[in-house]
């Protein structure tokens, strides 16, 4: 046996190819989401400007390109460059380059996206941001072209998939009794952050079917991940079960690219050799590559101590990063499930006095529930960041304390970048005089009510979220309104 053969997994060349192409698509969606939404969220005039967080935080806690310079134009260049690099990876340009060139091509989007996450603040505080960075880091080490994928990196990908699935399973069992009683799906499809077009139908499945769904989820997340470390074909079967579970989640809701990243990781564990035939001729890994993979593996294993300890802790943390580069993280989802759905409805009025009898018009969002007649839509893997944060705001005003006031101010000023994040602007000609926000209770309608009214949701007013706030009028407008005898 040649000295390099134990290091390489020739039969997994197609597994690497499938994994990397799916990951490149996810990268493209992530960069596109950043390019189209950043100005209103973290731009120089955004709700939470990136330059401010750069001034408040030291280099060590958030390294990235924007430490060298930040401007909206530079951010746009970074995001669109990420899109271009992702498209090149989808097209397989990495395979046409020498090993070092292909690895560099994979390292560039990782550096760019890391820089974006470091200034993203609450808008980028989701677990799938760290998951994309950790996965992207390992993808750099997988190699490209005519070099076989290294066994060590393939095992690190399985270790990552194990933490994603097992962590999600443990946080459920520890976090909410309804997961142990198999009743959480009686509520989840209705109360999840952003329902999809099939969520209404999933919610209306019979109770026994929900019990089977929940039990199958527990099996897939708590037991199947251990099989990833067994010989083939058992490991491939385990990965296949994870893929099927993730596709079920894709159908039932909008979870950005979380499900697709998990699918990509699972596909890397599948042995495609029975379908792919004999592997192509693959070169022996150069010594520098072997040393680099060993060093990176040792680093990942060392950094895995805290995430592994977190898995065993009764106070398990969900979606936490332990290093500034997001190299090894903890994951989890839905440790608790809401029993009722609350939504923040944002309204404006052009009337000079903000009272309940004024002509209040509702702003429409792209993804989150609003108009009861509007069927939930599919946006994932694209990530609507404002819509997701509106769901958190409804759970507790504390989640919106830093950004909701600036959001209302931008509606009052008719800020174009902010309005582009919305699905409908009820004031196309001139911004409103007043803006308010109110919390409503949303419930899926029944089949008969859906047929009779065309409404997917039934909503009931609960309480105020933001009392009416107003913008100052120029003196000439104030005199004109007063001269017309308006109150």
Protein backbone atom coordinates (compact mmCIF):
# COMPACT_ATOMS: atom_id res chain seq x y z
CA UNK A 1 0.00 0.00 0.00
CA UNK A 2 1.39 3.38 -0.98
CA UNK A 3 2.02 5.76 1.86
CA UNK A 4 -0.80 8.09 0.75
CA UNK A 5 -3.56 5.51 0.24
CA UNK A 6 -4.72 5.39 3.86
CA UNK A 7 -5.13 9.19 3.74
CA UNK A 8 -7.44 9.29 0.71
CA UNK A 9 -10.97 8.02 0.06
CA UNK A 10 -11.01 7.53 -3.72
CA UNK A 11 -14.51 6.08 -3.70
CA UNK A 12 -15.94 9.30 -2.29
CA UNK A 13 -14.96 11.53 -5.21
CA UNK A 14 -18.61 11.75 -6.31
CA UNK A 15 -19.75 12.34 -2.72
CA UNK A 16 -17.42 15.33 -2.60
CA UNK A 17 -18.66 16.59 -5.95
CA UNK A 18 -22.34 16.44 -4.95
CA UNK A 19 -21.68 17.99 -1.56
CA UNK A 20 -19.64 20.87 -2.95
CA UNK A 21 -22.16 21.73 -5.68
CA UNK A 22 -25.06 21.85 -3.21
CA UNK A 23 -22.94 23.95 -0.85
CA UNK A 24 -22.10 26.34 -3.70
CA UNK A 25 -25.81 26.85 -4.37
CA UNK A 26 -26.36 27.65 -0.69
CA UNK A 27 -23.47 30.12 -0.81
CA UNK A 28 -25.07 31.80 -3.83
CA UNK A 29 -28.40 32.19 -2.03
CA UNK A 30 -26.68 33.53 1.10
CA UNK A 31 -24.69 36.15 -0.78
CA UNK A 32 -27.71 37.14 -2.84
CA UNK A 33 -29.71 37.62 0.36
CA UNK A 34 -26.96 39.84 1.73
CA UNK A 35 -26.62 41.90 -1.45
CA UNK A 36 -30.34 42.64 -1.75
CA UNK A 37 -31.11 43.39 1.90
CA UNK A 38 -28.07 44.88 3.61
CA UNK A 39 -28.62 48.61 2.99
CA UNK A 40 -31.79 48.81 5.07
CA UNK A 41 -30.52 46.43 7.76
CA UNK A 42 -26.84 47.19 8.37
CA UNK A 43 -25.89 49.79 5.76
CA UNK A 44 -24.45 53.17 6.63
CA UNK A 45 -28.01 54.50 7.01
CA UNK A 46 -29.53 51.18 8.05
CA UNK A 47 -31.45 50.26 11.19
CA UNK A 48 -28.28 48.89 12.82
CA UNK A 49 -25.37 50.46 10.92
CA UNK A 50 -22.33 48.24 10.51
CA UNK A 51 -19.84 51.08 11.11
CA UNK A 52 -21.18 51.46 14.64
CA UNK A 53 -20.63 47.81 15.56
CA UNK A 54 -17.14 48.00 14.07
CA UNK A 55 -16.36 50.90 16.37
CA UNK A 56 -17.72 49.10 19.43
CA UNK A 57 -16.01 45.74 18.99
CA UNK A 58 -12.30 44.83 18.89
CA UNK A 59 -10.55 43.05 16.04
CA UNK A 60 -10.17 39.81 17.98
CA UNK A 61 -13.89 39.34 18.60
CA UNK A 62 -14.98 39.90 15.00
CA UNK A 63 -12.18 39.72 12.41
CA UNK A 64 -13.04 40.36 8.79
CA UNK A 65 -12.49 42.45 5.70
CA UNK A 66 -14.64 45.32 6.96
CA UNK A 67 -12.07 45.97 9.67
CA UNK A 68 -9.95 47.42 6.88
CA UNK A 69 -12.71 49.55 5.39
CA UNK A 70 -16.48 49.81 5.40
CA UNK A 71 -18.79 51.55 2.99
CA UNK A 72 -22.04 50.45 1.41
CA UNK A 73 -20.31 50.31 -1.94
CA UNK A 74 -17.59 48.03 -0.54
CA UNK A 75 -20.18 45.79 1.15
CA UNK A 76 -22.07 45.49 -2.14
CA UNK A 77 -18.81 44.58 -3.89
CA UNK A 78 -18.15 41.86 -1.30
CA UNK A 79 -21.67 40.41 -1.58
CA UNK A 80 -21.81 40.43 -5.37
CA UNK A 81 -18.27 39.02 -5.56
CA UNK A 82 -19.51 36.20 -3.34
CA UNK A 83 -22.33 35.59 -5.81
CA UNK A 84 -19.86 35.44 -8.70
CA UNK A 85 -17.54 33.06 -6.85
CA UNK A 86 -20.48 30.83 -5.91
CA UNK A 87 -21.62 30.69 -9.53
CA UNK A 88 -18.08 29.72 -10.56
CA UNK A 89 -18.09 26.90 -8.00
CA UNK A 90 -21.50 25.70 -9.19
CA UNK A 91 -20.07 25.58 -12.71
CA UNK A 92 -17.16 23.43 -11.47
CA UNK A 93 -14.34 25.91 -12.09
CA UNK A 94 -12.58 24.59 -8.97
CA UNK A 95 -12.14 21.22 -10.66
CA UNK A 96 -10.24 22.79 -13.55
CA UNK A 97 -7.65 24.39 -11.28
CA UNK A 98 -4.63 22.85 -9.54
CA UNK A 99 -5.26 21.71 -5.99
CA UNK A 100 -4.04 24.93 -4.38
CA UNK A 101 -6.11 27.02 -6.82
CA UNK A 102 -9.29 25.06 -6.17
CA UNK A 103 -8.82 25.35 -2.42
CA UNK A 104 -8.24 29.08 -2.75
CA UNK A 105 -11.43 29.38 -4.78
CA UNK A 106 -13.33 27.71 -1.94
CA UNK A 107 -11.59 29.82 0.70
CA UNK A 108 -12.62 33.13 -0.85
CA UNK A 109 -16.39 32.84 -0.28
CA UNK A 110 -15.72 31.64 3.26
CA UNK A 111 -13.67 34.78 4.00
CA UNK A 112 -16.27 37.02 2.37
CA UNK A 113 -19.21 35.51 4.19
CA UNK A 114 -17.37 35.50 7.51
CA UNK A 115 -16.80 39.23 7.05
CA UNK A 116 -20.51 39.76 6.45
CA UNK A 117 -21.58 37.76 9.49
CA UNK A 118 -19.17 39.67 11.72
CA UNK A 119 -21.05 42.94 11.06
CA UNK A 120 -24.53 41.41 10.68
CA UNK A 121 -25.54 41.73 14.36
CA UNK A 122 -29.05 40.40 15.18
CA UNK A 123 -29.90 40.05 11.50
CA UNK A 124 -27.21 37.37 11.23
CA UNK A 125 -27.71 35.75 14.61
CA UNK A 126 -29.25 32.55 13.23
CA UNK A 127 -27.72 29.11 13.59
CA UNK A 128 -27.49 28.52 9.85
CA UNK A 129 -25.01 31.41 9.51
CA UNK A 130 -22.47 29.60 11.70
CA UNK A 131 -23.37 26.30 10.04
CA UNK A 132 -22.58 27.75 6.62
CA UNK A 133 -19.23 29.04 7.85
CA UNK A 134 -18.25 25.79 9.56
CA UNK A 135 -19.29 23.76 6.52
CA UNK A 136 -17.54 26.16 4.17
CA UNK A 137 -14.30 25.89 6.15
CA UNK A 138 -14.34 22.09 5.87
CA UNK A 139 -15.14 22.33 2.14
CA UNK A 140 -11.85 24.17 1.61
CA UNK A 141 -9.98 21.17 3.05
CA UNK A 142 -11.79 18.58 0.91
CA UNK A 143 -9.60 19.30 -2.05
CA UNK A 144 -10.65 19.44 -5.70
CA UNK A 145 -9.86 18.15 -9.14
CA UNK A 146 -7.79 15.00 -9.48
CA UNK A 147 -6.90 14.75 -5.77
CA UNK A 148 -8.95 12.27 -3.75
CA UNK A 149 -10.93 13.63 -0.78
CA UNK A 150 -9.13 13.04 2.52
CA UNK A 151 -10.67 10.58 4.96
CA UNK A 152 -10.11 12.89 7.91
CA UNK A 153 -12.19 15.72 6.42
CA UNK A 154 -14.99 13.32 5.48
CA UNK A 155 -15.12 12.24 9.12
CA UNK A 156 -15.15 15.88 10.26
CA UNK A 157 -18.17 16.48 8.01
CA UNK A 158 -19.93 13.57 9.68
CA UNK A 159 -19.00 14.94 13.09
CA UNK A 160 -20.57 18.25 12.09
CA UNK A 161 -23.73 16.53 10.82
CA UNK A 162 -23.88 14.53 14.05
CA UNK A 163 -23.77 17.72 16.15
CA UNK A 164 -26.45 19.38 14.01
CA UNK A 165 -28.88 16.47 14.28
CA UNK A 166 -28.10 15.14 17.75
CA UNK A 167 -27.96 18.66 19.19
CA UNK A 168 -31.38 19.45 17.72
CA UNK A 169 -32.79 16.21 19.13
CA UNK A 170 -31.41 16.78 22.63
CA UNK A 171 -32.57 20.40 22.83
CA UNK A 172 -36.11 19.23 22.03
CA UNK A 173 -36.19 16.44 24.60
CA UNK A 174 -34.71 18.69 27.29
CA UNK A 175 -36.55 21.84 26.39
CA UNK A 176 -40.27 21.22 26.03
CA UNK A 177 -42.51 18.53 27.47
CA UNK A 178 -44.61 18.43 24.29
CA UNK A 179 -41.70 16.81 22.46
CA UNK A 180 -41.66 14.03 25.04
CA UNK A 181 -45.45 13.70 24.82
CA UNK A 182 -45.28 13.68 21.01
CA UNK A 183 -47.72 16.62 20.81
CA UNK A 184 -45.50 19.51 19.62
CA UNK A 185 -46.58 19.18 16.00
CA UNK A 186 -50.14 19.92 17.06
CA UNK A 187 -48.85 23.52 17.26
CA UNK A 188 -45.57 23.78 15.36
CA UNK A 189 -46.82 23.99 11.78
CA UNK A 190 -49.07 26.90 12.77
CA UNK A 191 -46.66 28.75 15.08
CA UNK A 192 -43.31 28.26 13.28
CA UNK A 193 -41.50 31.47 12.27
CA UNK A 194 -42.54 31.50 8.62
CA UNK A 195 -45.10 28.96 7.40
CA UNK A 196 -44.94 27.80 3.80
CA UNK A 197 -47.65 27.04 1.24
CA UNK A 198 -48.15 23.51 2.60
CA UNK A 199 -48.03 24.40 6.31
CA UNK A 200 -51.82 24.77 6.54
CA UNK A 201 -52.22 21.23 5.20
CA UNK A 202 -49.53 19.84 7.53
CA UNK A 203 -51.28 21.50 10.47
CA UNK A 204 -54.59 19.88 9.52
CA UNK A 205 -53.16 16.35 9.48
CA UNK A 206 -54.84 14.05 12.04
CA UNK A 207 -53.38 13.93 15.56
CA UNK A 208 -52.06 10.34 15.22
CA UNK A 209 -50.10 11.39 12.12
CA UNK A 210 -48.52 14.22 14.13
CA UNK A 211 -47.48 11.67 16.77
CA UNK A 212 -45.81 9.54 14.10
CA UNK A 213 -44.08 12.63 12.67
CA UNK A 214 -42.70 13.55 16.08
CA UNK A 215 -41.57 10.03 16.93
CA UNK A 216 -39.86 9.69 13.54
CA UNK A 217 -38.12 13.01 14.13
CA UNK A 218 -36.79 11.77 17.49
CA UNK A 219 -35.48 8.57 15.92
CA UNK A 220 -33.78 10.50 13.11
CA UNK A 221 -32.16 13.04 15.42
CA UNK A 222 -31.34 10.97 18.51
CA UNK A 223 -30.42 7.53 17.13
CA UNK A 224 -29.69 7.69 13.41
CA UNK A 225 -26.73 10.13 13.75
CA UNK A 226 -24.71 7.45 15.57
CA UNK A 227 -25.02 5.23 12.49
CA UNK A 228 -23.09 7.78 10.44
CA UNK A 229 -19.93 6.40 12.03
CA UNK A 230 -20.65 2.77 11.09
CA UNK A 231 -19.37 0.95 7.97
CA UNK A 232 -21.12 1.21 4.63
CA UNK A 233 -23.85 0.72 3.53
CA UNK A 234 -25.30 1.45 6.98
CA UNK A 235 -23.82 4.96 7.05
CA UNK A 236 -25.34 5.70 3.64
CA UNK A 237 -28.74 4.48 4.82
CA UNK A 238 -28.49 6.72 7.89
CA UNK A 239 -27.60 9.69 5.71
CA UNK A 240 -30.54 8.87 3.44
CA UNK A 241 -32.95 8.93 6.38
CA UNK A 242 -31.61 12.35 7.37
CA UNK A 243 -32.10 13.62 3.82
CA UNK A 244 -35.72 12.39 3.77
CA UNK A 245 -36.42 14.07 7.11
CA UNK A 246 -34.94 17.33 5.89
CA UNK A 247 -37.00 17.24 2.69
CA UNK A 248 -40.10 16.77 4.85
CA UNK A 249 -39.11 19.94 6.72
CA UNK A 250 -38.53 21.76 3.43
CA UNK A 251 -42.12 20.99 2.45
CA UNK A 252 -43.60 22.02 5.79
CA UNK A 253 -42.05 25.48 6.30
CA UNK A 254 -39.45 28.13 5.48
CA UNK A 255 -36.16 27.64 7.34
CA UNK A 256 -33.79 29.55 5.05
CA UNK A 257 -30.94 27.26 3.99
CA UNK A 258 -30.72 25.22 7.22
CA UNK A 259 -32.34 22.15 5.67
CA UNK A 260 -30.34 22.32 2.46
CA UNK A 261 -27.04 22.63 4.30
CA UNK A 262 -27.97 19.60 6.39
CA UNK A 263 -28.85 17.73 3.20
CA UNK A 264 -25.47 18.66 1.71
CA UNK A 265 -23.68 17.31 4.78
CA UNK A 266 -25.70 14.09 4.64
CA UNK A 267 -24.92 13.60 0.95
CA UNK A 268 -21.20 13.75 1.76
CA UNK A 269 -21.65 10.62 3.90
CA UNK A 270 -23.28 8.61 1.10
CA UNK A 271 -21.12 6.08 -0.73
CA UNK A 272 -22.03 6.69 -4.37
CA UNK A 273 -19.53 4.17 -5.76
CA UNK A 274 -22.15 1.49 -6.63
CA UNK A 275 -23.78 4.05 -8.93
CA UNK A 276 -20.70 5.95 -10.05
CA UNK A 277 -18.57 3.00 -11.03
CA UNK A 278 -14.81 2.95 -10.57
CA UNK A 279 -13.26 6.27 -9.55
CA UNK A 280 -11.19 8.26 -12.03
CA UNK A 281 -7.43 8.29 -11.76
CA UNK A 282 -6.61 10.42 -8.72
CA UNK A 283 -3.21 11.78 -7.86
CA UNK A 284 -1.41 11.26 -4.58
CA UNK A 285 -1.86 14.20 -2.21
CA UNK A 286 1.17 16.50 -2.05
CA UNK A 287 2.96 16.62 1.32
CA UNK A 288 1.90 20.21 2.04
CA UNK A 289 -1.75 19.21 1.63
CA UNK A 290 -1.40 16.26 3.99
CA UNK A 291 0.23 18.44 6.64
CA UNK A 292 -2.48 21.10 6.23
CA UNK A 293 -5.30 18.56 6.63
CA UNK A 294 -3.67 17.06 9.73
CA UNK A 295 -3.21 20.49 11.29
CA UNK A 296 -6.79 21.55 10.51
CA UNK A 297 -8.15 18.27 11.88
CA UNK A 298 -6.23 18.74 15.12
CA UNK A 299 -7.57 22.29 15.38
CA UNK A 300 -11.19 21.21 14.82
CA UNK A 301 -10.91 18.41 17.36
CA UNK A 302 -9.45 20.78 19.94
CA UNK A 303 -12.20 23.32 19.32
CA UNK A 304 -14.82 20.55 19.53
CA UNK A 305 -14.35 20.20 23.29
CA UNK A 306 -16.79 22.95 24.27
CA UNK A 307 -19.51 22.03 21.74
CA UNK A 308 -19.22 18.37 22.81
CA UNK A 309 -19.47 19.35 26.47
CA UNK A 310 -22.49 21.46 25.60
CA UNK A 311 -24.22 18.42 24.11
CA UNK A 312 -23.84 16.60 27.44
CA UNK A 313 -24.89 19.56 29.57
CA UNK A 314 -28.34 19.78 31.15
CA UNK A 315 -28.16 23.48 30.34
CA UNK A 316 -27.51 22.86 26.68
CA UNK A 317 -27.13 26.10 24.72
CA UNK A 318 -28.68 26.35 21.28
CA UNK A 319 -26.82 27.80 18.28
CA UNK A 320 -23.69 29.14 19.94
CA UNK A 321 -20.27 29.94 18.51
CA UNK A 322 -17.19 29.43 20.68
CA UNK A 323 -14.55 31.04 18.48
CA UNK A 324 -14.44 34.24 16.48
CA UNK A 325 -14.11 32.39 13.17
CA UNK A 326 -17.17 30.14 13.76
CA UNK A 327 -15.06 27.06 13.07
CA UNK A 328 -16.83 24.69 15.50
CA UNK A 329 -20.25 25.55 16.91
CA UNK A 330 -23.28 24.23 18.77
CA UNK A 331 -26.59 23.77 17.00
CA UNK A 332 -30.21 23.12 17.81
CA UNK A 333 -33.72 24.17 16.87
CA UNK A 334 -37.10 24.54 18.56
CA UNK A 335 -36.15 23.71 22.10
CA UNK A 336 -39.54 25.19 22.92
CA UNK A 337 -42.61 25.37 20.72
CA UNK A 338 -45.11 28.24 20.92
CA UNK A 339 -48.70 27.21 21.50
CA UNK A 340 -50.15 30.38 19.99
CA UNK A 341 -49.07 32.49 17.04
CA UNK A 342 -48.65 36.19 17.64
CA UNK A 343 -47.90 38.59 14.79
CA UNK A 344 -46.91 42.25 14.82
CA UNK A 345 -49.08 44.13 12.33
CA UNK A 346 -47.55 47.46 11.22
CA UNK A 347 -49.89 50.21 10.05
CA UNK A 348 -49.67 53.83 8.95
CA UNK A 349 -52.07 56.70 8.44
CA UNK A 350 -51.91 59.98 6.55
CA UNK A 351 -54.44 61.60 8.89
CA UNK A 352 -52.99 64.45 10.99
CA UNK A 353 -54.26 62.95 14.26
CA UNK A 354 -53.54 59.32 15.17
CA UNK A 355 -56.70 57.86 16.70
CA UNK A 356 -58.50 54.55 16.30
CA UNK A 357 -60.94 56.06 13.80
CA UNK A 358 -58.17 57.20 11.47
CA UNK A 359 -57.59 55.60 8.09
CA UNK A 360 -55.00 53.03 9.14
CA UNK A 361 -53.44 51.07 6.29
CA UNK A 362 -51.46 47.89 6.80
CA UNK A 363 -47.94 47.33 5.49
CA UNK A 364 -47.53 43.97 3.80
CA UNK A 365 -44.48 41.77 4.38
CA UNK A 366 -43.08 39.35 1.84
CA UNK A 367 -43.07 36.19 3.90
CA UNK A 368 -44.58 36.60 7.35
CA UNK A 369 -48.36 36.29 7.79
CA UNK A 370 -50.31 39.52 7.37
CA UNK A 371 -53.43 39.63 5.20
CA UNK A 372 -55.55 36.65 6.35
CA UNK A 373 -56.49 35.94 2.72
CA UNK A 374 -52.90 35.61 1.60
CA UNK A 375 -51.70 32.05 1.29
CA UNK A 376 -48.28 31.47 2.91
CA UNK A 377 -45.54 31.42 0.30
CA UNK A 378 -42.31 29.56 -0.26
CA UNK A 379 -39.11 31.59 0.06
CA UNK A 380 -36.53 29.20 1.52
CA UNK A 381 -33.67 28.73 0.95
CA UNK A 382 -33.74 32.52 0.48
CA UNK A 383 -33.68 34.23 3.87
CA UNK A 384 -36.08 37.12 4.59
CA UNK A 385 -34.27 38.55 7.61
CA UNK A 386 -36.74 41.28 8.55
CA UNK A 387 -39.68 38.88 8.39
CA UNK A 388 -37.92 36.42 10.66
CA UNK A 389 -37.08 39.09 13.21
CA UNK A 390 -40.70 40.24 13.19
CA UNK A 391 -41.63 36.75 14.45
CA UNK A 392 -39.17 37.12 17.32
CA UNK A 393 -40.50 40.62 18.04
CA UNK A 394 -44.00 39.18 18.49
CA UNK A 395 -42.64 36.70 21.04
CA UNK A 396 -41.05 39.48 23.10
CA UNK A 397 -40.43 43.21 22.49
CA UNK A 398 -36.91 42.65 23.87
CA UNK A 399 -35.95 40.99 20.56
CA UNK A 400 -36.86 44.20 18.70
CA UNK A 401 -35.59 46.81 21.14
CA UNK A 402 -32.51 47.68 19.08
CA UNK A 403 -34.10 47.92 15.63
CA UNK A 404 -37.87 48.39 15.69
CA UNK A 405 -37.73 52.11 16.49
CA UNK A 406 -35.35 52.76 13.57
CA UNK A 407 -37.61 50.60 11.39
CA UNK A 408 -40.64 52.80 12.20
CA UNK A 409 -38.58 55.94 11.57
CA UNK A 410 -37.68 54.71 8.11
CA UNK A 411 -41.31 53.98 7.29
CA UNK A 412 -42.17 57.53 8.33
CA UNK A 413 -39.46 58.92 6.09
CA UNK A 414 -40.37 56.65 3.17
CA UNK A 415 -36.89 55.12 3.04
CA UNK A 416 -36.66 53.28 -0.27
CA UNK A 417 -34.24 50.59 0.91
CA UNK A 418 -36.52 49.68 3.82
CA UNK A 419 -39.64 49.68 1.66
CA UNK A 420 -37.93 47.26 -0.74
CA UNK A 421 -37.88 44.68 2.05
CA UNK A 422 -41.67 44.79 2.26
CA UNK A 423 -44.24 43.14 0.06
CA UNK A 424 -46.67 46.07 -0.07
CA UNK A 425 -46.35 49.76 0.66
CA UNK A 426 -49.80 51.32 1.28
CA UNK A 427 -48.35 54.82 0.85
CA UNK A 428 -46.76 54.85 -2.62
CA UNK A 429 -47.01 58.62 -3.14
CA UNK A 430 -46.08 60.10 0.24
CA UNK A 431 -44.99 58.58 3.59
CA UNK A 432 -47.60 58.35 6.35
CA UNK A 433 -47.98 60.93 9.10
CA UNK A 434 -48.10 58.26 11.81
CA UNK A 435 -47.02 54.65 12.20
CA UNK A 436 -48.14 52.14 14.82
CA UNK A 437 -47.74 48.42 15.49
CA UNK A 438 -50.25 46.09 17.11
CA UNK A 439 -50.04 42.45 18.14
CA UNK A 440 -52.63 40.04 16.77
CA UNK A 441 -53.32 36.40 17.49
CA UNK A 442 -53.28 34.33 14.28
CA UNK A 443 -54.79 30.88 13.83
CA UNK A 444 -55.16 28.72 10.76
CA UNK A 445 -58.76 28.54 9.61
CA UNK A 446 -60.61 25.27 9.15
CA UNK A 447 -61.42 23.75 5.78
CA UNK A 448 -65.00 25.04 5.73
CA UNK A 449 -63.97 28.57 6.70
CA UNK A 450 -61.24 28.54 4.06
CA UNK A 451 -63.79 27.56 1.41
CA UNK A 452 -66.40 30.10 2.56
CA UNK A 453 -64.16 33.13 3.15
CA UNK A 454 -60.93 32.44 1.26
CA UNK A 455 -59.03 33.20 4.47
CA UNK A 456 -56.06 31.05 5.48
CA UNK A 457 -55.81 32.82 8.82
CA UNK A 458 -58.19 34.04 11.50
CA UNK A 459 -56.75 36.95 13.48
CA UNK A 460 -57.74 38.71 16.69
CA UNK A 461 -56.35 41.93 18.16
CA UNK A 462 -54.36 41.36 21.38
CA UNK A 463 -52.48 44.51 22.42
CA UNK A 464 -50.43 47.48 21.33
CA UNK A 465 -46.82 46.88 20.36
CA UNK A 466 -45.80 50.40 19.38
CA UNK A 467 -47.98 53.40 20.11
CA UNK A 468 -48.45 55.79 17.18
CA UNK A 469 -45.29 57.71 16.35
CA UNK A 470 -45.24 60.63 13.96
CA UNK A 471 -42.90 62.57 11.74
CA UNK A 472 -42.63 66.35 11.96
CA UNK A 473 -44.38 68.30 9.22
CA UNK A 474 -42.83 71.23 7.37
CA UNK A 475 -44.46 74.53 8.46
CA UNK A 476 -46.23 75.11 5.13
CA UNK A 477 -47.94 71.67 5.32
CA UNK A 478 -48.99 72.31 8.92
CA UNK A 479 -50.58 75.65 7.94
CA UNK A 480 -52.36 74.03 4.99
CA UNK A 481 -53.87 71.25 7.12
CA UNK A 482 -54.96 73.79 9.75
CA UNK A 483 -56.47 76.07 7.12
CA UNK A 484 -58.64 73.20 5.87
CA UNK A 485 -60.16 72.90 9.31
CA UNK A 486 -58.76 69.42 9.91
CA UNK A 487 -58.35 68.51 13.58
